[in-house]
Amino acid sequence: MVISIIRKKKNSGVIFVLAVILSILPLVIVKITPAIDAGKESIIGFLGISYLTFKTVGMIMEIRDGIIKELGLCETLHFLLFFPTISSGPIDRFRRFKKDYDAVPERDKYLSLLEKGVHYIFLGFLYKFLLAYFWGSYLLPIVRIHALGHGGISWWLVAYTYVYSMDLFFDFAGYSLFAVGTSYIMGYETPMNFNQPFKSKNIKDFWNRWHMTLSFWFRDYIYMRLVFFMMKNKLVKSRIAMANIGYLTLFLIMGFWHGVTWYYIVYGIFHACAIIINDAWLRFKKKHRKLIPSNKFTEYFAMFLTFNVVCFSFLIFSGFLNELFFMNK
């Protein structure tokens, strides 16, 4: 059964906005319930609600744009409920998924997918059950206890920053590799979620390497559309101001998506400010090329600086500062 999608000119904007609101409403309720009801979880929450919402909203926007012209019921349900990615991503796009859904790979193609899938699963085991275990289950409790014992800013807090960052990466990247590897074995080339993020040369490069499917989703469906809306309606004259408003909006929403707590929101604002500063630096660098050297040393220094900025942001994200300064009394 194929459901034909007809884009009606009359009231199409109202229908589109209503569809998006209804799609995100359950997720909003799930996220704000613990904050307004003494930490209680929402009764409508279920595994994968965030990523199901991302997929649904993405489809609605592409239907609105005329990119998706028709949907089959089976392929739509298969896309939304694809089990390797339903709980924590990666976030696929319907058009890319449909190509794999419609095409049965040739023998050589499938053998290549199978080989890659098995490789990713074994690499995921290395990340998740060895490296993440070492950083998160062995080292992290030790540095956490010492950091709490010393209180305030200490070298143990610095150690916690880097240990937590390593644990977060290997745990999340390991899970993503499981999801991608399983997808490949099933014949679906689910996009990768990580691409050596700690080698990033600036914060924008980092978001092109870290949780890529999420950052690209926010870029395409929130940032670009907000900037286009401001440009179309001439709400802001300055392109720089327009971009900065887009960054702040995007990362505030991302912060609230993680949870309605101060450290998630500050984490979002921190990354928005980091990108705004990075863009200002790139403009300054472009204007004063002759004064600023560009060589291997500056390249590695940029990677070092970005790594430390990112790790500090993960310290904020971890919520440990809340425990250390506000709860450990």
Protein backbone atom coordinates (compact mmCIF):
# COMPACT_ATOMS: atom_id res chain seq x y z
CA MET A 1 0.00 0.00 0.00
CA VAL A 2 1.43 3.34 -1.07
CA ILE A 3 0.32 6.55 0.59
CA SER A 4 0.59 9.38 -1.93
CA ILE A 5 1.69 12.67 -0.41
CA ILE A 6 -0.12 15.65 -1.90
CA ARG A 7 1.25 19.04 -0.92
CA LYS A 8 -1.80 21.27 -0.62
CA LYS A 9 -1.19 24.96 -1.13
CA LYS A 10 -4.09 26.03 1.08
CA ASN A 11 -3.28 25.84 4.80
CA SER A 12 -0.20 23.68 4.09
CA GLY A 13 1.85 25.81 6.47
CA VAL A 14 -0.62 25.33 9.31
CA ILE A 15 -0.80 21.59 8.68
CA PHE A 16 2.99 21.37 8.59
CA VAL A 17 3.47 23.26 11.87
CA LEU A 18 0.72 21.24 13.55
CA ALA A 19 2.28 17.96 12.39
CA VAL A 20 5.71 18.97 13.74
CA ILE A 21 4.25 20.10 17.08
CA LEU A 22 2.29 16.86 17.51
CA SER A 23 5.43 14.86 16.63
CA ILE A 24 7.65 16.54 19.21
CA LEU A 25 5.02 16.95 21.95
CA PRO A 26 5.50 13.47 23.50
CA LEU A 27 9.28 14.01 23.66
CA VAL A 28 8.83 17.45 25.24
CA ILE A 29 6.54 15.95 27.90
CA VAL A 30 9.06 13.19 28.61
CA LYS A 31 11.90 15.70 28.98
CA ILE A 32 10.15 18.25 31.19
CA THR A 33 8.25 15.85 33.47
CA PRO A 34 11.26 15.05 35.75
CA ALA A 35 11.94 18.78 36.16
CA ILE A 36 8.39 19.74 37.18
CA ASP A 37 7.37 16.61 39.08
CA ALA A 38 10.18 15.94 41.58
CA GLY A 39 12.30 13.74 39.34
CA LYS A 40 9.49 11.38 38.31
CA GLU A 41 9.65 9.87 34.84
CA SER A 42 6.85 10.46 32.34
CA ILE A 43 4.46 7.53 31.82
CA ILE A 44 4.58 8.04 28.04
CA GLY A 45 8.34 7.61 27.79
CA PHE A 46 9.70 4.58 25.97
CA LEU A 47 12.98 3.31 24.54
CA GLY A 48 13.98 5.27 21.46
CA ILE A 49 11.43 8.08 21.72
CA SER A 50 14.07 10.73 20.93
CA TYR A 51 15.38 9.07 17.78
CA LEU A 52 11.88 8.14 16.63
CA THR A 53 10.96 11.81 17.00
CA PHE A 54 14.00 12.93 14.99
CA LYS A 55 13.13 10.56 12.16
CA THR A 56 9.46 11.56 12.15
CA VAL A 57 10.14 15.31 12.15
CA GLY A 58 12.76 14.88 9.42
CA MET A 59 10.25 13.03 7.25
CA ILE A 60 7.56 15.67 7.82
CA MET A 61 9.95 18.45 6.80
CA GLU A 62 11.06 16.60 3.67
CA ILE A 63 7.43 15.92 2.76
CA ARG A 64 6.76 19.63 3.18
CA ASP A 65 9.73 20.44 0.93
CA GLY A 66 8.51 17.99 -1.72
CA ILE A 67 11.62 15.82 -1.39
CA ILE A 68 9.57 12.83 -0.25
CA LYS A 69 6.66 12.44 -2.67
CA GLU A 70 5.20 9.12 -1.57
CA LEU A 71 5.46 6.71 1.34
CA GLY A 72 4.80 3.02 1.61
CA LEU A 73 3.37 1.96 4.94
CA CYS A 74 5.75 -0.99 5.36
CA GLU A 75 8.88 0.94 4.40
CA THR A 76 7.89 3.82 6.69
CA LEU A 77 7.39 1.54 9.69
CA HIS A 78 10.60 -0.31 8.84
CA PHE A 79 12.49 2.98 8.75
CA LEU A 80 11.03 4.34 11.98
CA LEU A 81 11.36 1.09 13.94
CA PHE A 82 14.66 -0.18 12.49
CA PHE A 83 15.88 -1.98 15.60
CA PRO A 84 19.71 -1.53 15.37
CA THR A 85 19.34 2.26 15.61
CA ILE A 86 16.08 2.81 17.49
CA SER A 87 17.48 3.33 20.98
CA SER A 88 20.53 5.59 20.45
CA GLY A 89 20.99 6.15 16.72
CA PRO A 90 22.70 6.80 14.39
CA ILE A 91 19.90 8.90 12.88
CA ASP A 92 19.32 7.83 9.29
CA ARG A 93 17.45 9.75 6.59
CA PHE A 94 14.42 8.24 4.89
CA ARG A 95 15.65 8.68 1.31
CA ARG A 96 18.98 7.03 2.05
CA PHE A 97 17.30 4.22 3.98
CA LYS A 98 14.78 3.63 1.19
CA LYS A 99 17.56 3.01 -1.35
CA ASP A 100 18.79 0.10 0.75
CA TYR A 101 15.23 -1.03 1.47
CA ASP A 102 14.38 -1.22 -2.24
CA ALA A 103 17.62 -2.78 -3.48
CA VAL A 104 18.87 -6.27 -2.67
CA PRO A 105 22.69 -6.08 -2.75
CA GLU A 106 24.62 -8.27 -5.18
CA ARG A 107 26.72 -11.09 -3.76
CA ASP A 108 30.03 -9.20 -3.86
CA LYS A 109 28.41 -6.08 -2.45
CA TYR A 110 26.84 -8.01 0.42
CA LEU A 111 30.09 -9.82 1.22
CA SER A 112 31.76 -6.43 1.48
CA LEU A 113 28.97 -5.21 3.78
CA LEU A 114 29.25 -8.39 5.84
CA GLU A 115 33.02 -7.98 6.23
CA LYS A 116 32.65 -4.34 7.29
CA GLY A 117 29.75 -5.19 9.60
CA VAL A 118 31.70 -7.88 11.44
CA HIS A 119 34.70 -5.53 11.69
CA TYR A 120 32.56 -2.75 13.18
CA ILE A 121 30.97 -5.13 15.70
CA PHE A 122 34.35 -6.40 16.89
CA LEU A 123 35.64 -2.83 17.07
CA GLY A 124 32.51 -1.96 19.04
CA PHE A 125 33.31 -4.74 21.51
CA LEU A 126 36.81 -3.29 21.92
CA TYR A 127 35.44 0.20 22.52
CA LYS A 128 32.44 -0.71 24.71
CA PHE A 129 33.63 -3.63 26.81
CA LEU A 130 37.37 -3.01 27.10
CA LEU A 131 38.23 0.65 26.65
CA ALA A 132 34.98 2.11 28.03
CA TYR A 133 35.13 -0.37 30.91
CA PHE A 134 38.71 0.67 31.72
CA TRP A 135 37.95 4.39 31.63
CA GLY A 136 34.42 4.32 33.04
CA SER A 137 34.19 1.37 35.42
CA TYR A 138 37.78 1.19 36.65
CA LEU A 139 39.35 4.67 36.56
CA LEU A 140 36.34 6.97 36.80
CA PRO A 141 35.13 5.84 40.27
CA ILE A 142 38.66 6.29 41.64
CA VAL A 143 39.14 9.85 40.38
CA ARG A 144 35.55 10.73 41.30
CA ILE A 145 36.03 9.73 44.95
CA HIS A 146 39.31 11.66 45.20
CA ALA A 147 37.83 14.73 43.47
CA LEU A 148 34.88 14.75 45.87
CA GLY A 149 37.23 14.19 48.80
CA HIS A 150 39.41 17.16 47.91
CA GLY A 151 36.45 19.35 47.04
CA GLY A 152 36.53 22.35 44.72
CA ILE A 153 39.11 22.71 41.97
CA SER A 154 41.91 20.16 42.20
CA TRP A 155 44.12 18.01 40.01
CA TRP A 156 41.66 15.18 40.66
CA LEU A 157 38.97 17.29 39.00
CA VAL A 158 41.27 17.72 36.01
CA ALA A 159 41.76 13.94 35.93
CA TYR A 160 37.99 13.42 36.12
CA THR A 161 37.55 15.73 33.12
CA TYR A 162 39.73 13.62 30.82
CA VAL A 163 38.74 10.20 32.18
CA TYR A 164 35.04 11.01 31.78
CA SER A 165 35.65 12.30 28.24
CA MET A 166 37.37 9.07 27.24
CA ASP A 167 34.62 6.99 28.84
CA LEU A 168 31.89 8.99 27.10
CA PHE A 169 33.53 8.61 23.70
CA PHE A 170 34.35 4.90 23.84
CA ASP A 171 31.01 3.98 25.38
CA PHE A 172 28.92 5.91 22.87
CA ALA A 173 31.14 5.18 19.86
CA GLY A 174 31.15 1.50 20.80
CA TYR A 175 27.38 1.36 20.84
CA SER A 176 27.20 3.22 17.51
CA LEU A 177 29.60 0.70 15.98
CA PHE A 178 27.32 -2.14 17.13
CA ALA A 179 24.37 -0.41 15.48
CA VAL A 180 26.22 0.29 12.23
CA GLY A 181 27.76 -3.20 12.11
CA THR A 182 24.40 -4.90 12.65
CA SER A 183 22.84 -2.68 9.99
CA TYR A 184 25.55 -3.61 7.48
CA ILE A 185 24.97 -7.31 8.12
CA MET A 186 21.27 -6.69 7.40
CA GLY A 187 22.20 -4.95 4.13
CA TYR A 188 21.70 -1.35 5.28
CA GLU A 189 24.56 1.15 5.09
CA THR A 190 23.61 3.16 8.16
CA PRO A 191 25.81 6.29 8.38
CA MET A 192 28.66 6.41 10.86
CA ASN A 193 28.32 8.54 13.97
CA PHE A 194 31.96 9.30 14.80
CA ASN A 195 35.03 10.18 12.76
CA GLN A 196 38.04 10.64 15.03
CA PRO A 197 36.49 13.63 16.86
CA PHE A 198 39.49 14.22 19.11
CA LYS A 199 41.56 15.09 16.03
CA SER A 200 39.36 18.10 15.29
CA LYS A 201 41.17 21.35 14.48
CA ASN A 202 38.38 23.61 15.74
CA ILE A 203 35.01 23.32 17.45
CA LYS A 204 33.03 23.37 14.20
CA ASP A 205 35.22 20.59 12.86
CA PHE A 206 34.47 18.71 16.07
CA TRP A 207 30.73 18.80 15.42
CA ASN A 208 31.39 17.48 11.92
CA ARG A 209 33.04 14.45 13.57
CA TRP A 210 31.15 13.90 16.87
CA HIS A 211 27.66 12.33 16.90
CA MET A 212 27.55 13.35 13.26
CA THR A 213 24.03 12.19 12.44
CA LEU A 214 22.63 14.24 15.33
CA SER A 215 24.66 17.37 14.57
CA PHE A 216 23.77 17.14 10.85
CA TRP A 217 20.10 16.69 11.77
CA PHE A 218 20.15 19.83 13.93
CA ARG A 219 22.08 21.70 11.24
CA ASP A 220 19.69 20.79 8.41
CA TYR A 221 16.34 20.91 10.18
CA ILE A 222 16.85 23.67 12.76
CA TYR A 223 19.85 25.90 12.01
CA MET A 224 19.50 26.18 8.22
CA ARG A 225 15.73 26.65 8.37
CA LEU A 226 15.95 29.27 11.11
CA VAL A 227 18.60 31.23 9.21
CA PHE A 228 16.56 30.97 6.00
CA PHE A 229 13.45 32.19 7.86
CA MET A 230 15.31 35.20 9.28
CA MET A 231 16.82 35.97 5.88
CA LYS A 232 13.51 35.61 4.02
CA ASN A 233 11.64 37.84 6.45
CA LYS A 234 14.57 40.26 6.85
CA LEU A 235 14.46 39.94 10.63
CA VAL A 236 18.20 40.45 11.02
CA LYS A 237 20.36 42.46 8.63
CA SER A 238 23.79 41.21 9.66
CA ARG A 239 24.71 37.76 8.36
CA ILE A 240 27.09 37.31 11.29
CA ALA A 241 24.36 38.12 13.82
CA MET A 242 22.00 35.82 11.94
CA ALA A 243 24.46 32.94 12.14
CA ASN A 244 25.13 33.60 15.83
CA ILE A 245 21.41 33.58 16.66
CA GLY A 246 21.17 30.30 14.78
CA TYR A 247 24.02 28.77 16.79
CA LEU A 248 22.54 29.87 20.13
CA THR A 249 19.10 28.56 19.21
CA LEU A 250 20.45 25.26 17.91
CA PHE A 251 22.61 24.47 20.92
CA LEU A 252 20.01 25.66 23.43
CA ILE A 253 17.55 23.20 21.91
CA MET A 254 20.22 20.51 21.95
CA GLY A 255 20.90 21.25 25.61
CA PHE A 256 17.22 21.04 26.53
CA TRP A 257 16.96 17.80 24.54
CA HIS A 258 19.56 16.20 26.79
CA GLY A 259 17.56 17.24 29.85
CA VAL A 260 16.04 20.20 31.68
CA THR A 261 18.94 20.73 34.07
CA TRP A 262 21.32 23.66 34.30
CA TYR A 263 24.43 21.76 33.25
CA TYR A 264 22.91 20.48 29.98
CA ILE A 265 21.71 23.97 29.13
CA VAL A 266 25.08 25.52 30.02
CA TYR A 267 26.74 22.80 27.92
CA GLY A 268 24.66 23.92 24.94
CA ILE A 269 25.39 27.61 25.51
CA PHE A 270 29.11 26.82 25.94
CA HIS A 271 29.29 25.13 22.53
CA ALA A 272 27.30 27.92 20.88
CA CYS A 273 29.72 30.50 22.28
CA ALA A 274 32.69 28.35 21.26
CA ILE A 275 31.48 28.24 17.64
CA ILE A 276 30.74 31.99 17.64
CA ILE A 277 34.28 32.68 18.92
CA ASN A 278 35.70 30.21 16.40
CA ASP A 279 33.93 31.96 13.51
CA ALA A 280 35.20 35.34 14.72
CA TRP A 281 38.74 33.94 14.89
CA LEU A 282 38.48 32.52 11.37
CA ARG A 283 37.33 35.91 10.05
CA PHE A 284 40.22 37.61 11.84
CA LYS A 285 42.65 34.99 10.55
CA LYS A 286 41.43 35.43 6.97
CA LYS A 287 41.85 39.19 7.25
CA HIS A 288 45.37 38.97 8.71
CA ARG A 289 46.82 35.96 6.89
CA LYS A 290 50.32 37.42 6.71
CA LEU A 291 50.51 37.96 10.47
CA ILE A 292 49.32 34.51 11.54
CA PRO A 293 51.52 31.50 10.70
CA SER A 294 50.03 28.30 9.36
CA ASN A 295 52.16 25.19 9.73
CA LYS A 296 52.29 21.79 11.42
CA PHE A 297 52.86 23.32 14.83
CA THR A 298 49.80 25.59 14.62
CA GLU A 299 47.78 22.65 13.28
CA TYR A 300 48.68 20.43 16.24
CA PHE A 301 48.21 23.31 18.66
CA ALA A 302 44.71 23.86 17.26
CA MET A 303 43.95 20.15 17.80
CA PHE A 304 45.32 20.33 21.35
CA LEU A 305 43.29 23.44 22.17
CA THR A 306 40.09 22.00 20.67
CA PHE A 307 40.54 18.73 22.55
CA ASN A 308 40.84 20.55 25.88
CA VAL A 309 37.87 22.82 25.17
CA VAL A 310 35.76 19.78 24.28
CA CYS A 311 36.84 17.87 27.39
CA PHE A 312 35.93 20.84 29.58
CA SER A 313 32.51 20.93 27.93
CA PHE A 314 32.09 17.24 28.74
CA LEU A 315 32.89 18.02 32.38
CA ILE A 316 29.96 20.44 32.34
CA PHE A 317 27.81 17.86 30.55
CA SER A 318 28.63 15.15 33.09
CA GLY A 319 26.83 16.97 35.90
CA PHE A 320 29.79 16.32 38.20
CA LEU A 321 30.24 20.04 38.87
CA ASN A 322 26.69 20.10 40.21
CA GLU A 323 27.54 17.26 42.57
CA LEU A 324 30.90 18.74 43.54
CA PHE A 325 29.87 22.33 44.25
CA PHE A 326 26.15 22.22 45.04
CA MET A 327 25.36 18.78 46.42
CA ASN A 328 28.58 17.72 48.15
CA LYS A 329 28.06 19.85 51.25
